[in-house]
Every structure is written in C-alpha cells, then in structure tokens.
Amino acid sequence: MLSPESVEAFQALALGLAFAGMVATGFEALTERRASFTMLETGGARAIASVPFVVATAPFIILRNTVRGRRTQRRRVTFVALATIIACLWGLACGRVIMDLTMILGS
C-alpha cells in the first residue's frame, strides 16, 4: 500500500512531465522549431525571456535528447539512467510547483 505522500509525489511527477511535454510540443507546433537549451545562447532580452520556458520544458528536452543520443550515438546505459533521474527530479519539482499554484489559485 502506498502512503498518501508517495501518491502525491507520483502525481507531481506525472504532472510535471506531462506539462513539460505539452508546452514543448505546443511550442514546436506553433513555431516549427524544436524547444532546446540553445534558446538560452541567443543573448540579450530574448535569452532572458526564454528562461521560464526552458525551465518548464527542461524535463522533456532532457528525455528527448537522451533517447536520441542513445539511439544515434550509442551512449552508455549509465548515462541514460543518470539523465533520466535528473529529468524526473526536475519534472517532480515542476509538478510540485504546478500543484501548489493550483491549490493557491483555487482557494
């Protein structure tokens, strides 16, 4: 039997990963460009404006790049596992923030 805290953590993880994927996919559909960390390299106000977007979509970007790197570059499984852990922790944090904002705005 899972504790209520565990269920809440799984919900936050699922919400964070789903939100990241939804935002990144929506961006790609609207702009016909892939969401990536290189958006931060443009410099100036554009880079600063892209920080919230990259923070929100980072779990999706990390997982997408990891899967692609495993297929094309034959990256080691340990690297893939580490990148997946990082993406899931980031997704968990994003999901927790979304859940907290929903609770605050819903009250």
C-alpha atoms as a PDB file:
ATOM      1  CA  MET A   1       0.000   0.000   0.000  1.00  0.00           C
ATOM      2  CA  LEU A   2       1.338   3.406  -0.963  1.00  0.00           C
ATOM      3  CA  SER A   3       1.344   6.248   1.503  1.00  0.00           C
ATOM      4  CA  PRO A   4      -0.515   9.456   0.622  1.00  0.00           C
ATOM      5  CA  GLU A   5       2.845  11.239   0.293  1.00  0.00           C
ATOM      6  CA  SER A   6       4.001   8.694  -2.292  1.00  0.00           C
ATOM      7  CA  VAL A   7       0.813   9.060  -4.306  1.00  0.00           C
ATOM      8  CA  GLU A   8       1.193  12.841  -4.217  1.00  0.00           C
ATOM      9  CA  ALA A   9       4.810  12.540  -5.387  1.00  0.00           C
ATOM     10  CA  PHE A  10       3.774  10.299  -8.297  1.00  0.00           C
ATOM     11  CA  GLN A  11       1.055  12.787  -9.218  1.00  0.00           C
ATOM     12  CA  ALA A  12       3.551  15.651  -9.136  1.00  0.00           C
ATOM     13  CA  LEU A  13       5.995  13.681 -11.290  1.00  0.00           C
ATOM     14  CA  ALA A  14       3.336  12.800 -13.851  1.00  0.00           C
ATOM     15  CA  LEU A  15       2.004  16.358 -13.908  1.00  0.00           C
ATOM     16  CA  GLY A  16       5.482  17.866 -14.284  1.00  0.00           C
ATOM     17  CA  LEU A  17       6.486  15.568 -17.140  1.00  0.00           C
ATOM     18  CA  ALA A  18       3.133  15.957 -18.896  1.00  0.00           C
ATOM     19  CA  PHE A  19       3.225  19.745 -18.567  1.00  0.00           C
ATOM     20  CA  ALA A  20       6.793  19.900 -19.914  1.00  0.00           C
ATOM     21  CA  GLY A  21       5.846  17.747 -22.890  1.00  0.00           C
ATOM     22  CA  MET A  22       2.690  19.697 -23.579  1.00  0.00           C
ATOM     23  CA  VAL A  23       4.411  23.087 -23.506  1.00  0.00           C
ATOM     24  CA  ALA A  24       7.380  21.914 -25.604  1.00  0.00           C
ATOM     25  CA  THR A  25       5.151  20.225 -28.166  1.00  0.00           C
ATOM     26  CA  GLY A  26       2.890  23.286 -28.351  1.00  0.00           C
ATOM     27  CA  PHE A  27       5.934  25.487 -28.915  1.00  0.00           C
ATOM     28  CA  GLU A  28       7.157  23.200 -31.678  1.00  0.00           C
ATOM     29  CA  ALA A  29       3.734  23.197 -33.331  1.00  0.00           C
ATOM     30  CA  LEU A  30       3.426  26.988 -33.233  1.00  0.00           C
ATOM     31  CA  THR A  31       6.973  27.957 -34.207  1.00  0.00           C
ATOM     32  CA  GLU A  32       8.104  24.934 -36.265  1.00  0.00           C
ATOM     33  CA  ARG A  33      11.311  24.956 -34.137  1.00  0.00           C
ATOM     34  CA  ARG A  34      12.413  22.422 -31.567  1.00  0.00           C
ATOM     35  CA  ALA A  35      12.498  23.507 -27.953  1.00  0.00           C
ATOM     36  CA  SER A  36      16.109  23.287 -26.759  1.00  0.00           C
ATOM     37  CA  PHE A  37      18.629  24.667 -24.335  1.00  0.00           C
ATOM     38  CA  THR A  38      20.284  26.586 -27.184  1.00  0.00           C
ATOM     39  CA  MET A  39      17.498  29.151 -26.847  1.00  0.00           C
ATOM     40  CA  LEU A  40      19.500  30.497 -23.899  1.00  0.00           C
ATOM     41  CA  GLU A  41      22.536  31.147 -26.116  1.00  0.00           C
ATOM     42  CA  THR A  42      20.912  33.864 -28.218  1.00  0.00           C
ATOM     43  CA  GLY A  43      21.856  36.544 -25.716  1.00  0.00           C
ATOM     44  CA  GLY A  44      20.108  39.697 -24.660  1.00  0.00           C
ATOM     45  CA  ALA A  45      16.460  40.062 -23.789  1.00  0.00           C
ATOM     46  CA  ARG A  46      15.472  37.078 -25.916  1.00  0.00           C
ATOM     47  CA  ALA A  47      17.593  34.733 -23.810  1.00  0.00           C
ATOM     48  CA  ILE A  48      16.234  36.193 -20.586  1.00  0.00           C
ATOM     49  CA  ALA A  49      12.676  35.853 -21.839  1.00  0.00           C
ATOM     50  CA  SER A  50      13.251  32.188 -22.739  1.00  0.00           C
ATOM     51  CA  VAL A  51      14.440  31.199 -19.234  1.00  0.00           C
ATOM     52  CA  PRO A  52      10.944  30.424 -17.818  1.00  0.00           C
ATOM     53  CA  PHE A  53      10.100  28.449 -20.945  1.00  0.00           C
ATOM     54  CA  VAL A  54      13.300  26.388 -20.774  1.00  0.00           C
ATOM     55  CA  VAL A  55      12.839  25.781 -17.053  1.00  0.00           C
ATOM     56  CA  ALA A  56       9.304  24.490 -17.668  1.00  0.00           C
ATOM     57  CA  THR A  57      10.239  22.276 -20.617  1.00  0.00           C
ATOM     58  CA  ALA A  58      13.626  21.018 -19.392  1.00  0.00           C
ATOM     59  CA  PRO A  59      12.425  17.521 -18.353  1.00  0.00           C
ATOM     60  CA  PHE A  60      11.027  16.926 -21.840  1.00  0.00           C
ATOM     61  CA  ILE A  61      14.143  18.310 -23.536  1.00  0.00           C
ATOM     62  CA  ILE A  62      16.457  16.185 -21.389  1.00  0.00           C
ATOM     63  CA  LEU A  63      14.489  12.991 -22.012  1.00  0.00           C
ATOM     64  CA  ARG A  64      14.146  13.666 -25.750  1.00  0.00           C
ATOM     65  CA  ASN A  65      17.865  14.348 -26.123  1.00  0.00           C
ATOM     66  CA  THR A  66      18.750  11.313 -24.025  1.00  0.00           C
ATOM     67  CA  VAL A  67      16.640   8.938 -26.100  1.00  0.00           C
ATOM     68  CA  ARG A  68      18.002  10.410 -29.325  1.00  0.00           C
ATOM     69  CA  GLY A  69      21.587  10.186 -28.040  1.00  0.00           C
ATOM     70  CA  ARG A  70      21.123   6.563 -27.027  1.00  0.00           C
ATOM     71  CA  ARG A  71      19.860   5.665 -30.483  1.00  0.00           C
ATOM     72  CA  THR A  72      22.296   7.640 -32.616  1.00  0.00           C
ATOM     73  CA  GLN A  73      25.452   7.898 -30.507  1.00  0.00           C
ATOM     74  CA  ARG A  74      25.141   4.629 -28.565  1.00  0.00           C
ATOM     75  CA  ARG A  75      25.513   6.398 -25.224  1.00  0.00           C
ATOM     76  CA  ARG A  76      26.096   4.153 -22.231  1.00  0.00           C
ATOM     77  CA  VAL A  77      23.130   2.979 -20.210  1.00  0.00           C
ATOM     78  CA  THR A  78      24.547   4.585 -17.061  1.00  0.00           C
ATOM     79  CA  PHE A  79      24.470   7.981 -18.770  1.00  0.00           C
ATOM     80  CA  VAL A  80      20.899   7.392 -19.911  1.00  0.00           C
ATOM     81  CA  ALA A  81      19.863   6.358 -16.392  1.00  0.00           C
ATOM     82  CA  LEU A  82      21.501   9.418 -14.833  1.00  0.00           C
ATOM     83  CA  ALA A  83      19.884  11.779 -17.349  1.00  0.00           C
ATOM     84  CA  THR A  84      16.512  10.125 -16.738  1.00  0.00           C
ATOM     85  CA  ILE A  85      16.885  10.572 -12.978  1.00  0.00           C
ATOM     86  CA  ILE A  86      17.753  14.249 -13.436  1.00  0.00           C
ATOM     87  CA  ALA A  87      14.796  14.803 -15.772  1.00  0.00           C
ATOM     88  CA  CYS A  88      12.409  13.037 -13.397  1.00  0.00           C
ATOM     89  CA  LEU A  89      13.608  15.040 -10.394  1.00  0.00           C
ATOM     90  CA  TRP A  90      13.194  18.234 -12.391  1.00  0.00           C
ATOM     91  CA  GLY A  91       9.743  17.094 -13.510  1.00  0.00           C
ATOM     92  CA  LEU A  92       8.855  16.282  -9.903  1.00  0.00           C
ATOM     93  CA  ALA A  93       9.851  19.797  -8.823  1.00  0.00           C
ATOM     94  CA  CYS A  94       7.908  21.408 -11.687  1.00  0.00           C
ATOM     95  CA  GLY A  95       4.864  19.273 -10.920  1.00  0.00           C
ATOM     96  CA  ARG A  96       5.035  20.209  -7.249  1.00  0.00           C
ATOM     97  CA  VAL A  97       5.126  23.910  -8.179  1.00  0.00           C
ATOM     98  CA  ILE A  98       2.143  23.458 -10.506  1.00  0.00           C
ATOM     99  CA  MET A  99       0.202  21.592  -7.808  1.00  0.00           C
ATOM    100  CA  ASP A 100       0.973  24.289  -5.239  1.00  0.00           C
ATOM    101  CA  LEU A 101      -0.043  27.075  -7.646  1.00  0.00           C
ATOM    102  CA  THR A 102      -3.272  25.243  -8.403  1.00  0.00           C
ATOM    103  CA  MET A 103      -4.030  24.975  -4.688  1.00  0.00           C
ATOM    104  CA  ILE A 104      -3.246  28.651  -4.093  1.00  0.00           C
ATOM    105  CA  LEU A 105      -5.248  29.916  -7.081  1.00  0.00           C
ATOM    106  CA  GLY A 106      -8.107  27.502  -6.417  1.00  0.00           C
ATOM    107  CA  SER A 107      -8.666  28.756  -2.877  1.00  0.00           C
END
